[in-house]
Structure formats: structure tokens, C-alpha cells
Amino acid sequence: MKRSLLLLCFASLVGCAANKLVPGAERVELVNESPDKARCKYVGEIVGSQGNWFTGDITSNENLVIGARNELRNKAHQLGANLVYIQDMKNTNAYGSLGTTNTTAVGKAYRCKT
């Protein structure tokens, strides 16, 4: 019983923090306009998300947004991209929740010449 309670407390604390950036992902730029196709090569569509029905209510809205954006940067970095054109960003609420429980961002990853 103590072990289950300790695990539940730990899971709750982990849910509060935004997803972390992997080294190098901080250099990935997020933009709201489609990049210049002459200097940027499309490398793939990516989705970033933070929160769920369990952790969403105990995670701040700010950390939900930052976590989703950080996951976009991490996935873009894994693809070798240095720019993400964010196409859509949505907040959702789980049934019976106190507010936003998940933020999801969809984007297109590009490798652009600097």
C-alpha cells in the first residue's frame, strides 16, 4: 500500500513539469508562417503533446503549452530539422476535469539553410 501511494505521488509530481528539451533541440525555431521553400526542405510532419486525463489537472496551462512545444522541437531535432511551421495547436479537456488536460501541437519540420 505504501509503495502504491508513493508511486502515485511520484507520478503526480512528474505530471506537473513540462517535457524537457533534448540537447540541441533548443536551436529549433518555431514559426507560424510557412517557410521559404527555396531555402527549406520539408522533412516530415510532427506532433507534440503534453498532458492526459490523469496529469492534466495538476499541470499548469503554461507547462502544457511549453511541454507540447518542447516535444515538437525534440522530434524536429531527431529528424535533423531546424525549423517547425506550427499548423495547429489545440487544448482539450477530459470529461469531469477542472480545466485543460492536454495541449497538442501539429507542425511541419524543415531543414533550412542559414
PDB file of N, CA and C in Angstrom:
ATOM      1  N   MET A   1       0.817  -1.185   0.000  1.00  0.00           N
ATOM      2  CA  MET A   1       0.000   0.000   0.000  1.00  0.00           C
ATOM      3  C   MET A   1       0.869   1.262   0.000  1.00  0.00           C
ATOM      4  N   LYS A   2       1.911   1.273   0.848  1.00  0.00           N
ATOM      5  CA  LYS A   2       2.794   2.435   0.900  1.00  0.00           C
ATOM      6  C   LYS A   2       3.487   2.642  -0.445  1.00  0.00           C
ATOM      7  N   ARG A   3       3.867   1.530  -1.062  1.00  0.00           N
ATOM      8  CA  ARG A   3       4.547   1.608  -2.345  1.00  0.00           C
ATOM      9  C   ARG A   3       3.623   2.207  -3.412  1.00  0.00           C
ATOM     10  N   SER A   4       2.375   1.800  -3.428  1.00  0.00           N
ATOM     11  CA  SER A   4       1.405   2.337  -4.395  1.00  0.00           C
ATOM     12  C   SER A   4       1.184   3.828  -4.178  1.00  0.00           C
ATOM     13  N   LEU A   5       1.070   4.237  -2.930  1.00  0.00           N
ATOM     14  CA  LEU A   5       0.870   5.645  -2.609  1.00  0.00           C
ATOM     15  C   LEU A   5       2.091   6.473  -3.025  1.00  0.00           C
ATOM     16  N   LEU A   6       3.270   5.945  -2.770  1.00  0.00           N
ATOM     17  CA  LEU A   6       4.498   6.628  -3.158  1.00  0.00           C
ATOM     18  C   LEU A   6       4.592   6.757  -4.675  1.00  0.00           C
ATOM     19  N   LEU A   7       4.247   5.704  -5.401  1.00  0.00           N
ATOM     20  CA  LEU A   7       4.264   5.726  -6.860  1.00  0.00           C
ATOM     21  C   LEU A   7       3.257   6.734  -7.401  1.00  0.00           C
ATOM     22  N   LEU A   8       2.072   6.794  -6.796  1.00  0.00           N
ATOM     23  CA  LEU A   8       1.052   7.752  -7.208  1.00  0.00           C
ATOM     24  C   LEU A   8       1.533   9.185  -6.978  1.00  0.00           C
ATOM     25  N   CYS A   9       2.143   9.449  -5.844  1.00  0.00           N
ATOM     26  CA  CYS A   9       2.676  10.788  -5.552  1.00  0.00           C
ATOM     27  C   CYS A   9       3.764  11.169  -6.549  1.00  0.00           C
ATOM     28  N   PHE A  10       4.646  10.233  -6.868  1.00  0.00           N
ATOM     29  CA  PHE A  10       5.724  10.494  -7.823  1.00  0.00           C
ATOM     30  C   PHE A  10       5.155  10.796  -9.204  1.00  0.00           C
ATOM     31  N   ALA A  11       4.175  10.004  -9.639  1.00  0.00           N
ATOM     32  CA  ALA A  11       3.555  10.214 -10.950  1.00  0.00           C
ATOM     33  C   ALA A  11       2.885  11.574 -11.017  1.00  0.00           C
ATOM     34  N   SER A  12       2.285  12.000  -9.915  1.00  0.00           N
ATOM     35  CA  SER A  12       1.640  13.312  -9.877  1.00  0.00           C
ATOM     36  C   SER A  12       2.661  14.433 -10.020  1.00  0.00           C
ATOM     37  N   LEU A  13       3.799  14.305  -9.366  1.00  0.00           N
ATOM     38  CA  LEU A  13       4.836  15.332  -9.449  1.00  0.00           C
ATOM     39  C   LEU A  13       5.447  15.402 -10.834  1.00  0.00           C
ATOM     40  N   VAL A  14       5.669  14.251 -11.461  1.00  0.00           N
ATOM     41  CA  VAL A  14       6.234  14.221 -12.804  1.00  0.00           C
ATOM     42  C   VAL A  14       5.275  14.882 -13.778  1.00  0.00           C
ATOM     43  N   GLY A  15       3.979  14.721 -13.580  1.00  0.00           N
ATOM     44  CA  GLY A  15       2.984  15.303 -14.465  1.00  0.00           C
ATOM     45  C   GLY A  15       2.975  16.817 -14.444  1.00  0.00           C
ATOM     46  N   CYS A  16       3.500  17.426 -13.411  1.00  0.00           N
ATOM     47  CA  CYS A  16       3.464  18.883 -13.268  1.00  0.00           C
ATOM     48  C   CYS A  16       4.483  19.596 -14.138  1.00  0.00           C
ATOM     49  N   ALA A  17       5.578  18.958 -14.461  1.00  0.00           N
ATOM     50  CA  ALA A  17       6.668  19.599 -15.202  1.00  0.00           C
ATOM     51  C   ALA A  17       6.453  19.489 -16.706  1.00  0.00           C
ATOM     52  N   ALA A  18       6.922  20.496 -17.434  1.00  0.00           N
ATOM     53  CA  ALA A  18       6.868  20.467 -18.903  1.00  0.00           C
ATOM     54  C   ALA A  18       7.884  19.455 -19.424  1.00  0.00           C
ATOM     55  N   ASN A  19       7.590  18.860 -20.588  1.00  0.00           N
ATOM     56  CA  ASN A  19       8.555  17.981 -21.247  1.00  0.00           C
ATOM     57  C   ASN A  19       9.862  18.749 -21.420  1.00  0.00           C
ATOM     58  N   LYS A  20      10.959  18.076 -21.193  1.00  0.00           N
ATOM     59  CA  LYS A  20      12.283  18.700 -21.305  1.00  0.00           C
ATOM     60  C   LYS A  20      12.803  18.646 -22.727  1.00  0.00           C
ATOM     61  N   LEU A  21      13.655  19.594 -23.066  1.00  0.00           N
ATOM     62  CA  LEU A  21      14.322  19.595 -24.358  1.00  0.00           C
ATOM     63  C   LEU A  21      15.533  18.669 -24.334  1.00  0.00           C
ATOM     64  N   VAL A  22      15.752  17.952 -25.433  1.00  0.00           N
ATOM     65  CA  VAL A  22      16.980  17.178 -25.573  1.00  0.00           C
ATOM     66  C   VAL A  22      18.080  18.145 -26.017  1.00  0.00           C
ATOM     67  N   PRO A  23      19.340  17.844 -25.719  1.00  0.00           N
ATOM     68  CA  PRO A  23      20.422  18.744 -26.134  1.00  0.00           C
ATOM     69  C   PRO A  23      20.404  18.993 -27.644  1.00  0.00           C
ATOM     70  N   GLY A  24      20.479  20.238 -28.029  1.00  0.00           N
ATOM     71  CA  GLY A  24      20.464  20.648 -29.434  1.00  0.00           C
ATOM     72  C   GLY A  24      19.090  21.093 -29.913  1.00  0.00           C
ATOM     73  N   ALA A  25      18.027  20.614 -29.280  1.00  0.00           N
ATOM     74  CA  ALA A  25      16.665  20.952 -29.713  1.00  0.00           C
ATOM     75  C   ALA A  25      16.317  22.409 -29.436  1.00  0.00           C
ATOM     76  N   GLU A  26      17.044  23.040 -28.543  1.00  0.00           N
ATOM     77  CA  GLU A  26      16.765  24.451 -28.243  1.00  0.00           C
ATOM     78  C   GLU A  26      17.060  25.352 -29.449  1.00  0.00           C
ATOM     79  N   ARG A  27      17.814  24.835 -30.423  1.00  0.00           N
ATOM     80  CA  ARG A  27      18.134  25.612 -31.618  1.00  0.00           C
ATOM     81  C   ARG A  27      17.051  25.518 -32.699  1.00  0.00           C
ATOM     82  N   VAL A  28      16.054  24.661 -32.488  1.00  0.00           N
ATOM     83  CA  VAL A  28      14.957  24.526 -33.457  1.00  0.00           C
ATOM     84  C   VAL A  28      13.999  25.698 -33.275  1.00  0.00           C
ATOM     85  N   GLU A  29      13.763  26.421 -34.359  1.00  0.00           N
ATOM     86  CA  GLU A  29      12.890  27.590 -34.317  1.00  0.00           C
ATOM     87  C   GLU A  29      11.451  27.180 -34.636  1.00  0.00           C
ATOM     88  N   LEU A  30      10.495  27.732 -33.892  1.00  0.00           N
ATOM     89  CA  LEU A  30       9.077  27.510 -34.148  1.00  0.00           C
ATOM     90  C   LEU A  30       8.506  28.764 -34.787  1.00  0.00           C
ATOM     91  N   VAL A  31       7.772  28.600 -35.905  1.00  0.00           N
ATOM     92  CA  VAL A  31       7.200  29.744 -36.616  1.00  0.00           C
ATOM     93  C   VAL A  31       5.729  29.489 -36.929  1.00  0.00           C
ATOM     94  N   ASN A  32       5.004  30.575 -37.193  1.00  0.00           N
ATOM     95  CA  ASN A  32       3.580  30.480 -37.516  1.00  0.00           C
ATOM     96  C   ASN A  32       3.282  30.710 -38.991  1.00  0.00           C
ATOM     97  N   GLU A  33       4.312  30.926 -39.801  1.00  0.00           N
ATOM     98  CA  GLU A  33       4.139  31.114 -41.234  1.00  0.00           C
ATOM     99  C   GLU A  33       4.991  30.094 -41.977  1.00  0.00           C
ATOM    100  N   SER A  34       4.473  29.643 -43.096  1.00  0.00           N
ATOM    101  CA  SER A  34       5.187  28.660 -43.911  1.00  0.00           C
ATOM    102  C   SER A  34       6.534  29.232 -44.355  1.00  0.00           C
ATOM    103  N   PRO A  35       7.610  28.441 -44.244  1.00  0.00           N
ATOM    104  CA  PRO A  35       8.936  28.958 -44.606  1.00  0.00           C
ATOM    105  C   PRO A  35       9.142  29.028 -46.119  1.00  0.00           C
ATOM    106  N   ASP A  36      10.184  29.728 -46.506  1.00  0.00           N
ATOM    107  CA  ASP A  36      10.578  29.862 -47.904  1.00  0.00           C
ATOM    108  C   ASP A  36      11.022  28.498 -48.433  1.00  0.00           C
ATOM    109  N   LYS A  37      10.274  27.976 -49.382  1.00  0.00           N
ATOM    110  CA  LYS A  37      10.562  26.630 -49.929  1.00  0.00           C
ATOM    111  C   LYS A  37      11.891  26.594 -50.706  1.00  0.00           C
ATOM    112  N   ALA A  38      12.365  27.746 -51.139  1.00  0.00           N
ATOM    113  CA  ALA A  38      13.626  27.797 -51.885  1.00  0.00           C
ATOM    114  C   ALA A  38      14.819  27.512 -50.984  1.00  0.00           C
ATOM    115  N   ARG A  39      14.711  27.844 -49.707  1.00  0.00           N
ATOM    116  CA  ARG A  39      15.840  27.617 -48.798  1.00  0.00           C
ATOM    117  C   ARG A  39      15.561  26.566 -47.729  1.00  0.00           C
ATOM    118  N   CYS A  40      14.340  25.977 -47.749  1.00  0.00           N
ATOM    119  CA  CYS A  40      13.975  24.990 -46.725  1.00  0.00           C
ATOM    120  C   CYS A  40      13.455  23.710 -47.354  1.00  0.00           C
ATOM    121  N   LYS A  41      13.923  22.582 -46.834  1.00  0.00           N
ATOM    122  CA  LYS A  41      13.491  21.273 -47.324  1.00  0.00           C
ATOM    123  C   LYS A  41      12.588  20.629 -46.272  1.00  0.00           C
ATOM    124  N   TYR A  42      11.399  20.205 -46.698  1.00  0.00           N
ATOM    125  CA  TYR A  42      10.444  19.544 -45.810  1.00  0.00           C
ATOM    126  C   TYR A  42      10.988  18.169 -45.420  1.00  0.00           C
ATOM    127  N   VAL A  43      10.962  17.847 -44.112  1.00  0.00           N
ATOM    128  CA  VAL A  43      11.458  16.534 -43.673  1.00  0.00           C
ATOM    129  C   VAL A  43      10.400  15.685 -42.975  1.00  0.00           C
ATOM    130  N   GLY A  44       9.253  16.261 -42.633  1.00  0.00           N
ATOM    131  CA  GLY A  44       8.193  15.436 -42.070  1.00  0.00           C
ATOM    132  C   GLY A  44       7.222  16.190 -41.175  1.00  0.00           C
ATOM    133  N   GLU A  45       6.058  15.571 -40.992  1.00  0.00           N
ATOM    134  CA  GLU A  45       5.057  16.121 -40.083  1.00  0.00           C
ATOM    135  C   GLU A  45       5.314  15.575 -38.682  1.00  0.00           C
ATOM    136  N   ILE A  46       5.131  16.421 -37.692  1.00  0.00           N
ATOM    137  CA  ILE A  46       5.375  16.010 -36.308  1.00  0.00           C
ATOM    138  C   ILE A  46       4.236  16.488 -35.405  1.00  0.00           C
ATOM    139  N   VAL A  47       4.079  15.790 -34.293  1.00  0.00           N
ATOM    140  CA  VAL A  47       3.059  16.129 -33.305  1.00  0.00           C
ATOM    141  C   VAL A  47       3.723  16.180 -31.938  1.00  0.00           C
ATOM    142  N   GLY A  48       3.435  17.229 -31.201  1.00  0.00           N
ATOM    143  CA  GLY A  48       3.929  17.367 -29.837  1.00  0.00           C
ATOM    144  C   GLY A  48       2.745  17.476 -28.898  1.00  0.00           C
ATOM    145  N   SER A  49       2.854  16.829 -27.735  1.00  0.00           N
ATOM    146  CA  SER A  49       1.730  16.817 -26.807  1.00  0.00           C
ATOM    147  C   SER A  49       2.224  16.793 -25.366  1.00  0.00           C
ATOM    148  N   GLN A  50       1.418  17.347 -24.483  1.00  0.00           N
ATOM    149  CA  GLN A  50       1.710  17.310 -23.041  1.00  0.00           C
ATOM    150  C   GLN A  50       0.376  17.187 -22.325  1.00  0.00           C
ATOM    151  N   GLY A  51       0.318  16.279 -21.352  1.00  0.00           N
ATOM    152  CA  GLY A  51      -0.853  16.119 -20.502  1.00  0.00           C
ATOM    153  C   GLY A  51      -1.735  14.955 -20.913  1.00  0.00           C
ATOM    154  N   ASN A  52      -2.548  14.514 -19.960  1.00  0.00           N
ATOM    155  CA  ASN A  52      -3.517  13.446 -20.186  1.00  0.00           C
ATOM    156  C   ASN A  52      -4.597  13.542 -19.121  1.00  0.00           C
ATOM    157  N   TRP A  53      -5.528  12.615 -19.108  1.00  0.00           N
ATOM    158  CA  TRP A  53      -6.657  12.682 -18.177  1.00  0.00           C
ATOM    159  C   TRP A  53      -6.211  12.634 -16.718  1.00  0.00           C
ATOM    160  N   PHE A  54      -5.061  12.018 -16.453  1.00  0.00           N
ATOM    161  CA  PHE A  54      -4.594  11.869 -15.070  1.00  0.00           C
ATOM    162  C   PHE A  54      -3.748  13.055 -14.612  1.00  0.00           C
ATOM    163  N   THR A  55      -2.810  13.485 -15.451  1.00  0.00           N
ATOM    164  CA  THR A  55      -1.868  14.530 -15.039  1.00  0.00           C
ATOM    165  C   THR A  55      -2.293  15.938 -15.455  1.00  0.00           C
ATOM    166  N   GLY A  56      -3.232  16.042 -16.383  1.00  0.00           N
ATOM    167  CA  GLY A  56      -3.603  17.347 -16.930  1.00  0.00           C
ATOM    168  C   GLY A  56      -4.094  18.344 -15.906  1.00  0.00           C
ATOM    169  N   ASP A  57      -4.913  17.897 -14.964  1.00  0.00           N
ATOM    170  CA  ASP A  57      -5.454  18.814 -13.967  1.00  0.00           C
ATOM    171  C   ASP A  57      -4.409  19.317 -12.976  1.00  0.00           C
ATOM    172  N   ILE A  58      -3.297  18.605 -12.854  1.00  0.00           N
ATOM    173  CA  ILE A  58      -2.264  19.029 -11.908  1.00  0.00           C
ATOM    174  C   ILE A  58      -1.055  19.666 -12.605  1.00  0.00           C
ATOM    175  N   THR A  59      -1.194  19.879 -13.925  1.00  0.00           N
ATOM    176  CA  THR A  59      -0.149  20.538 -14.696  1.00  0.00           C
ATOM    177  C   THR A  59      -0.673  21.905 -15.108  1.00  0.00           C
ATOM    178  N   SER A  60       0.133  22.944 -14.918  1.00  0.00           N
ATOM    179  CA  SER A  60      -0.315  24.295 -15.283  1.00  0.00           C
ATOM    180  C   SER A  60      -0.523  24.389 -16.791  1.00  0.00           C
ATOM    181  N   ASN A  61      -1.411  25.293 -17.199  1.00  0.00           N
ATOM    182  CA  ASN A  61      -1.640  25.513 -18.632  1.00  0.00           C
ATOM    183  C   ASN A  61      -0.347  25.920 -19.328  1.00  0.00           C
ATOM    184  N   GLU A  62       0.464  26.718 -18.637  1.00  0.00           N
ATOM    185  CA  GLU A  62       1.745  27.143 -19.202  1.00  0.00           C
ATOM    186  C   GLU A  62       2.644  25.940 -19.484  1.00  0.00           C
ATOM    187  N   ASN A  63       2.733  25.007 -18.531  1.00  0.00           N
ATOM    188  CA  ASN A  63       3.574  23.828 -18.733  1.00  0.00           C
ATOM    189  C   ASN A  63       3.004  22.896 -19.796  1.00  0.00           C
ATOM    190  N   LEU A  64       1.676  22.862 -19.950  1.00  0.00           N
ATOM    191  CA  LEU A  64       1.083  22.063 -21.028  1.00  0.00           C
ATOM    192  C   LEU A  64       1.530  22.602 -22.385  1.00  0.00           C
ATOM    193  N   VAL A  65       1.500  23.920 -22.551  1.00  0.00           N
ATOM    194  CA  VAL A  65       1.900  24.544 -23.818  1.00  0.00           C
ATOM    195  C   VAL A  65       3.408  24.392 -24.037  1.00  0.00           C
ATOM    196  N   ILE A  66       4.201  24.707 -23.031  1.00  0.00           N
ATOM    197  CA  ILE A  66       5.665  24.593 -23.156  1.00  0.00           C
ATOM    198  C   ILE A  66       6.060  23.145 -23.451  1.00  0.00           C
ATOM    199  N   GLY A  67       5.431  22.203 -22.773  1.00  0.00           N
ATOM    200  CA  GLY A  67       5.745  20.786 -22.990  1.00  0.00           C
ATOM    201  C   GLY A  67       5.430  20.331 -24.401  1.00  0.00           C
ATOM    202  N   ALA A  68       4.285  20.760 -24.949  1.00  0.00           N
ATOM    203  CA  ALA A  68       3.929  20.399 -26.326  1.00  0.00           C
ATOM    204  C   ALA A  68       4.915  21.012 -27.316  1.00  0.00           C
ATOM    205  N   ARG A  69       5.283  22.262 -27.093  1.00  0.00           N
ATOM    206  CA  ARG A  69       6.256  22.931 -27.963  1.00  0.00           C
ATOM    207  C   ARG A  69       7.635  22.267 -27.859  1.00  0.00           C
ATOM    208  N   ASN A  70       8.040  21.901 -26.646  1.00  0.00           N
ATOM    209  CA  ASN A  70       9.327  21.220 -26.470  1.00  0.00           C
ATOM    210  C   ASN A  70       9.341  19.878 -27.180  1.00  0.00           C
ATOM    211  N   GLU A  71       8.218  19.157 -27.145  1.00  0.00           N
ATOM    212  CA  GLU A  71       8.169  17.870 -27.842  1.00  0.00           C
ATOM    213  C   GLU A  71       8.271  18.069 -29.353  1.00  0.00           C
ATOM    214  N   LEU A  72       7.668  19.145 -29.878  1.00  0.00           N
ATOM    215  CA  LEU A  72       7.843  19.467 -31.307  1.00  0.00           C
ATOM    216  C   LEU A  72       9.316  19.690 -31.630  1.00  0.00           C
ATOM    217  N   ARG A  73       9.983  20.485 -30.806  1.00  0.00           N
ATOM    218  CA  ARG A  73      11.415  20.761 -31.032  1.00  0.00           C
ATOM    219  C   ARG A  73      12.239  19.467 -30.958  1.00  0.00           C
ATOM    220  N   ASN A  74      11.962  18.622 -29.979  1.00  0.00           N
ATOM    221  CA  ASN A  74      12.701  17.358 -29.839  1.00  0.00           C
ATOM    222  C   ASN A  74      12.534  16.476 -31.074  1.00  0.00           C
ATOM    223  N   LYS A  75      11.303  16.336 -31.545  1.00  0.00           N
ATOM    224  CA  LYS A  75      11.049  15.483 -32.721  1.00  0.00           C
ATOM    225  C   LYS A  75      11.669  16.079 -33.981  1.00  0.00           C
ATOM    226  N   ALA A  76      11.593  17.389 -34.122  1.00  0.00           N
ATOM    227  CA  ALA A  76      12.215  18.038 -35.275  1.00  0.00           C
ATOM    228  C   ALA A  76      13.726  17.819 -35.253  1.00  0.00           C
ATOM    229  N   HIS A  77      14.324  17.983 -34.094  1.00  0.00           N
ATOM    230  CA  HIS A  77      15.774  17.780 -33.941  1.00  0.00           C
ATOM    231  C   HIS A  77      16.158  16.351 -34.324  1.00  0.00           C
ATOM    232  N   GLN A  78      15.346  15.372 -33.928  1.00  0.00           N
ATOM    233  CA  GLN A  78      15.616  13.968 -34.276  1.00  0.00           C
ATOM    234  C   GLN A  78      15.592  13.756 -35.792  1.00  0.00           C
ATOM    235  N   LEU A  79      14.778  14.542 -36.488  1.00  0.00           N
ATOM    236  CA  LEU A  79      14.694  14.432 -37.953  1.00  0.00           C
ATOM    237  C   LEU A  79      15.774  15.244 -38.659  1.00  0.00           C
ATOM    238  N   GLY A  80      16.557  15.992 -37.909  1.00  0.00           N
ATOM    239  CA  GLY A  80      17.592  16.833 -38.499  1.00  0.00           C
ATOM    240  C   GLY A  80      17.057  18.182 -38.956  1.00  0.00           C
ATOM    241  N   ALA A  81      15.871  18.554 -38.488  1.00  0.00           N
ATOM    242  CA  ALA A  81      15.258  19.827 -38.870  1.00  0.00           C
ATOM    243  C   ALA A  81      15.732  20.939 -37.942  1.00  0.00           C
ATOM    244  N   ASN A  82      15.644  22.174 -38.432  1.00  0.00           N
ATOM    245  CA  ASN A  82      15.992  23.319 -37.596  1.00  0.00           C
ATOM    246  C   ASN A  82      14.866  24.358 -37.534  1.00  0.00           C
ATOM    247  N   LEU A  83      13.707  24.020 -38.136  1.00  0.00           N
ATOM    248  CA  LEU A  83      12.567  24.925 -38.128  1.00  0.00           C
ATOM    249  C   LEU A  83      11.277  24.101 -38.145  1.00  0.00           C
ATOM    250  N   VAL A  84      10.278  24.543 -37.377  1.00  0.00           N
ATOM    251  CA  VAL A  84       8.968  23.902 -37.382  1.00  0.00           C
ATOM    252  C   VAL A  84       7.918  24.965 -37.661  1.00  0.00           C
ATOM    253  N   TYR A  85       7.129  24.704 -38.695  1.00  0.00           N
ATOM    254  CA  TYR A  85       5.971  25.539 -39.006  1.00  0.00           C
ATOM    255  C   TYR A  85       4.787  24.937 -38.255  1.00  0.00           C
ATOM    256  N   ILE A  86       4.316  25.634 -37.219  1.00  0.00           N
ATOM    257  CA  ILE A  86       3.201  25.134 -36.414  1.00  0.00           C
ATOM    258  C   ILE A  86       1.906  25.366 -37.186  1.00  0.00           C
ATOM    259  N   GLN A  87       1.218  24.281 -37.502  1.00  0.00           N
ATOM    260  CA  GLN A  87      -0.025  24.364 -38.266  1.00  0.00           C
ATOM    261  C   GLN A  87      -1.252  24.461 -37.369  1.00  0.00           C
ATOM    262  N   ASP A  88      -1.193  23.819 -36.220  1.00  0.00           N
ATOM    263  CA  ASP A  88      -2.363  23.797 -35.345  1.00  0.00           C
ATOM    264  C   ASP A  88      -1.922  23.530 -33.910  1.00  0.00           C
ATOM    265  N   MET A  89      -2.654  24.123 -32.979  1.00  0.00           N
ATOM    266  CA  MET A  89      -2.395  23.897 -31.555  1.00  0.00           C
ATOM    267  C   MET A  89      -3.745  23.895 -30.852  1.00  0.00           C
ATOM    268  N   LYS A  90      -4.036  22.802 -30.136  1.00  0.00           N
ATOM    269  CA  LYS A  90      -5.344  22.651 -29.500  1.00  0.00           C
ATOM    270  C   LYS A  90      -5.193  22.270 -28.036  1.00  0.00           C
ATOM    271  N   ASN A  91      -6.131  22.782 -27.240  1.00  0.00           N
ATOM    272  CA  ASN A  91      -6.261  22.376 -25.844  1.00  0.00           C
ATOM    273  C   ASN A  91      -7.511  21.516 -25.727  1.00  0.00           C
ATOM    274  N   THR A  92      -7.429  20.449 -24.952  1.00  0.00           N
ATOM    275  CA  THR A  92      -8.599  19.602 -24.737  1.00  0.00           C
ATOM    276  C   THR A  92      -8.833  19.414 -23.249  1.00  0.00           C
ATOM    277  N   ASN A  93     -10.057  19.076 -22.928  1.00  0.00           N
ATOM    278  CA  ASN A  93     -10.456  18.858 -21.544  1.00  0.00           C
ATOM    279  C   ASN A  93     -11.029  17.448 -21.435  1.00  0.00           C
ATOM    280  N   ALA A  94     -10.521  16.662 -20.497  1.00  0.00           N
ATOM    281  CA  ALA A  94     -11.072  15.333 -20.244  1.00  0.00           C
ATOM    282  C   ALA A  94     -12.401  15.483 -19.521  1.00  0.00           C
ATOM    283  N   TYR A  95     -13.300  14.557 -19.748  1.00  0.00           N
ATOM    284  CA  TYR A  95     -14.607  14.576 -19.100  1.00  0.00           C
ATOM    285  C   TYR A  95     -14.428  14.613 -17.578  1.00  0.00           C
ATOM    286  N   GLY A  96     -15.080  15.568 -16.946  1.00  0.00           N
ATOM    287  CA  GLY A  96     -15.007  15.688 -15.496  1.00  0.00           C
ATOM    288  C   GLY A  96     -13.786  16.419 -14.971  1.00  0.00           C
ATOM    289  N   SER A  97     -12.958  16.953 -15.866  1.00  0.00           N
ATOM    290  CA  SER A  97     -11.739  17.641 -15.427  1.00  0.00           C
ATOM    291  C   SER A  97     -12.065  19.049 -14.948  1.00  0.00           C
ATOM    292  N   LEU A  98     -11.083  19.667 -14.321  1.00  0.00           N
ATOM    293  CA  LEU A  98     -11.229  21.020 -13.812  1.00  0.00           C
ATOM    294  C   LEU A  98     -10.859  22.080 -14.841  1.00  0.00           C
ATOM    295  N   GLY A  99     -10.263  21.683 -15.947  1.00  0.00           N
ATOM    296  CA  GLY A  99      -9.824  22.628 -16.978  1.00  0.00           C
ATOM    297  C   GLY A  99      -9.093  21.897 -18.079  1.00  0.00           C
ATOM    298  N   THR A 100      -8.155  22.570 -18.699  1.00  0.00           N
ATOM    299  CA  THR A 100      -7.377  21.970 -19.786  1.00  0.00           C
ATOM    300  C   THR A 100      -6.558  20.808 -19.252  1.00  0.00           C
ATOM    301  N   THR A 101      -6.633  19.672 -19.940  1.00  0.00           N
ATOM    302  CA  THR A 101      -5.875  18.495 -19.506  1.00  0.00           C
ATOM    303  C   THR A 101      -4.797  18.090 -20.510  1.00  0.00           C
ATOM    304  N   ASN A 102      -4.863  18.625 -21.742  1.00  0.00           N
ATOM    305  CA  ASN A 102      -3.891  18.258 -22.756  1.00  0.00           C
ATOM    306  C   ASN A 102      -3.741  19.402 -23.752  1.00  0.00           C
ATOM    307  N   THR A 103      -2.509  19.613 -24.201  1.00  0.00           N
ATOM    308  CA  THR A 103      -2.239  20.529 -25.304  1.00  0.00           C
ATOM    309  C   THR A 103      -1.488  19.737 -26.365  1.00  0.00           C
ATOM    310  N   THR A 104      -1.961  19.829 -27.600  1.00  0.00           N
ATOM    311  CA  THR A 104      -1.348  19.122 -28.721  1.00  0.00           C
ATOM    312  C   THR A 104      -1.036  20.120 -29.822  1.00  0.00           C
ATOM    313  N   ALA A 105       0.166  20.024 -30.379  1.00  0.00           N
ATOM    314  CA  ALA A 105       0.597  20.891 -31.472  1.00  0.00           C
ATOM    315  C   ALA A 105       0.988  20.026 -32.667  1.00  0.00           C
ATOM    316  N   VAL A 106       0.579  20.447 -33.848  1.00  0.00           N
ATOM    317  CA  VAL A 106       0.910  19.748 -35.087  1.00  0.00           C
ATOM    318  C   VAL A 106       1.737  20.692 -35.946  1.00  0.00           C
ATOM    319  N   GLY A 107       2.809  20.175 -36.503  1.00  0.00           N
ATOM    320  CA  GLY A 107       3.654  21.028 -37.324  1.00  0.00           C
ATOM    321  C   GLY A 107       4.369  20.280 -38.417  1.00  0.00           C
ATOM    322  N   LYS A 108       4.961  21.052 -39.309  1.00  0.00           N
ATOM    323  CA  LYS A 108       5.790  20.515 -40.391  1.00  0.00           C
ATOM    324  C   LYS A 108       7.224  20.889 -40.099  1.00  0.00           C
ATOM    325  N   ALA A 109       8.106  19.909 -40.106  1.00  0.00           N
ATOM    326  CA  ALA A 109       9.523  20.112 -39.817  1.00  0.00           C
ATOM    327  C   ALA A 109      10.298  20.363 -41.112  1.00  0.00           C
ATOM    328  N   TYR A 110      11.202  21.345 -41.058  1.00  0.00           N
ATOM    329  CA  TYR A 110      12.009  21.711 -42.225  1.00  0.00           C
ATOM    330  C   TYR A 110      13.483  21.819 -41.833  1.00  0.00           C
ATOM    331  N   ARG A 111      14.346  21.510 -42.806  1.00  0.00           N
ATOM    332  CA  ARG A 111      15.778  21.769 -42.669  1.00  0.00           C
ATOM    333  C   ARG A 111      16.070  22.956 -43.584  1.00  0.00           C
ATOM    334  N   CYS A 112      16.408  24.082 -42.965  1.00  0.00           N
ATOM    335  CA  CYS A 112      16.604  25.322 -43.721  1.00  0.00           C
ATOM    336  C   CYS A 112      18.076  25.723 -43.750  1.00  0.00           C
ATOM    337  N   LYS A 113      18.474  26.321 -44.861  1.00  0.00           N
ATOM    338  CA  LYS A 113      19.833  26.867 -44.976  1.00  0.00           C
ATOM    339  C   LYS A 113      19.885  28.149 -44.183  1.00  0.00           C
ATOM    340  N   THR A 114      20.957  28.332 -43.440  1.00  0.00           N
ATOM    341  CA  THR A 114      21.088  29.545 -42.621  1.00  0.00           C
ATOM    342  C   THR A 114      21.897  30.608 -43.310  1.00  0.00           C
TER     343      THR A 114
END
